[in-house]
Amino acid sequence: MFDYSVITPVAAREREFYIVPLSEEDRYVSVEGAAATYEPARLDLLLEILNGYLAMGQKADHYETEHYRYSRQAPKGMLAIAVPRHEDDRST
């Protein structure tokens, strides 16, 4: 399937998303039910965000799709951040 996962901070659920290597997902998300800082993104969002991330290419620092803005300016260990675009931004 994918080599990446998408997680969202519990405190900012579905307002920001981080793309992380699938092998590192357990480092951020608690699978044992403990209080976690991050949780996995919904499957529909995960697929859309990962498709946008893959379209971003290796050399781009920033990228935009119709629904998300991507940046490689993510915390250490994370590959990129994706934030939803506002409706106003889509008209430009």
Protein backbone atom coordinates (compact mmCIF):
# COMPACT_ATOMS: atom_id res chain seq x y z
CA MET A 1 0.00 0.00 0.00
CA PHE A 2 1.78 3.17 1.21
CA ASP A 3 5.11 3.68 2.93
CA TYR A 4 3.67 6.70 4.76
CA SER A 5 0.98 7.43 7.28
CA VAL A 6 -0.96 10.59 8.12
CA ILE A 7 -1.50 11.65 11.71
CA THR A 8 -3.36 14.59 13.19
CA PRO A 9 -2.81 16.20 16.59
CA VAL A 10 -5.60 15.41 19.03
CA ALA A 11 -5.69 19.12 20.03
CA ALA A 12 -6.02 20.28 16.39
CA ARG A 13 -7.94 17.36 14.93
CA GLU A 14 -8.41 17.70 11.18
CA ARG A 15 -6.91 21.21 11.12
CA GLU A 16 -3.37 20.04 10.54
CA PHE A 17 -1.93 16.76 9.36
CA TYR A 18 1.57 15.33 9.43
CA ILE A 19 2.95 12.83 6.97
CA VAL A 20 5.26 10.36 8.71
CA PRO A 21 7.00 7.19 7.61
CA LEU A 22 4.67 4.25 8.26
CA SER A 23 7.43 2.58 10.25
CA GLU A 24 7.44 5.58 12.65
CA GLU A 25 3.68 5.91 13.17
CA ASP A 26 3.74 4.02 16.49
CA ARG A 27 6.20 6.57 17.81
CA TYR A 28 3.49 9.27 17.61
CA VAL A 29 0.22 7.36 17.99
CA SER A 30 -0.58 5.22 21.01
CA VAL A 31 -1.99 1.87 19.99
CA GLU A 32 -2.54 0.75 23.58
CA GLY A 33 -5.20 3.32 24.42
CA ALA A 34 -2.92 5.60 26.41
CA ALA A 35 -3.43 9.34 26.13
CA ALA A 36 -1.84 10.22 22.83
CA THR A 37 -0.80 13.54 21.33
CA TYR A 38 -1.56 12.33 17.78
CA GLU A 39 -4.10 10.01 16.23
CA PRO A 40 -4.36 8.47 12.76
CA ALA A 41 -6.23 10.53 10.18
CA ARG A 42 -9.53 9.27 8.83
CA LEU A 43 -9.04 6.93 5.88
CA ASP A 44 -10.67 9.26 3.33
CA LEU A 45 -8.42 12.12 4.44
CA LEU A 46 -5.36 9.90 4.63
CA LEU A 47 -5.77 8.84 1.00
CA GLU A 48 -6.33 12.39 -0.28
CA ILE A 49 -3.42 13.81 1.73
CA LEU A 50 -1.01 11.04 0.74
CA ASN A 51 -1.92 11.40 -2.93
CA GLY A 52 -1.18 15.14 -2.70
CA TYR A 53 2.08 14.47 -0.86
CA LEU A 54 3.20 12.01 -3.53
CA ALA A 55 2.35 14.54 -6.25
CA MET A 56 4.50 17.09 -4.41
CA GLY A 57 7.66 15.39 -5.60
CA GLN A 58 11.00 15.04 -3.86
CA LYS A 59 12.43 18.49 -4.57
CA ALA A 60 9.50 20.79 -3.78
CA ASP A 61 9.41 22.53 -0.40
CA HIS A 62 5.79 23.66 -0.81
CA TYR A 63 2.87 22.35 -2.80
CA GLU A 64 -0.86 23.02 -3.05
CA THR A 65 -3.83 20.98 -4.14
CA GLU A 66 -7.44 22.06 -4.30
CA HIS A 67 -7.96 21.17 -0.64
CA TYR A 68 -4.54 21.23 1.09
CA ARG A 69 -1.29 23.16 1.38
CA TYR A 70 1.82 21.07 1.93
CA SER A 71 5.15 22.07 3.41
CA ARG A 72 8.29 20.19 4.31
CA GLN A 73 8.70 22.55 7.28
CA ALA A 74 7.53 19.88 9.72
CA PRO A 75 8.86 18.85 13.13
CA LYS A 76 11.89 16.59 13.19
CA GLY A 77 11.08 13.02 12.20
CA MET A 78 8.04 14.06 10.19
CA LEU A 79 8.19 14.38 6.42
CA ALA A 80 5.68 17.15 5.77
CA ILE A 81 2.69 19.03 7.12
CA ALA A 82 -0.61 19.47 5.28
CA VAL A 83 -3.19 22.07 6.29
CA PRO A 84 -6.63 22.51 4.78
CA ARG A 85 -7.07 25.46 2.43
CA HIS A 86 -9.85 27.87 3.28
CA GLU A 87 -12.76 28.35 0.89
CA ASP A 88 -11.59 31.96 0.17
CA ASP A 89 -8.18 30.66 -1.01
CA ARG A 90 -9.70 28.39 -3.67
CA SER A 91 -11.14 31.25 -5.70
CA THR A 92 -7.67 32.56 -6.60
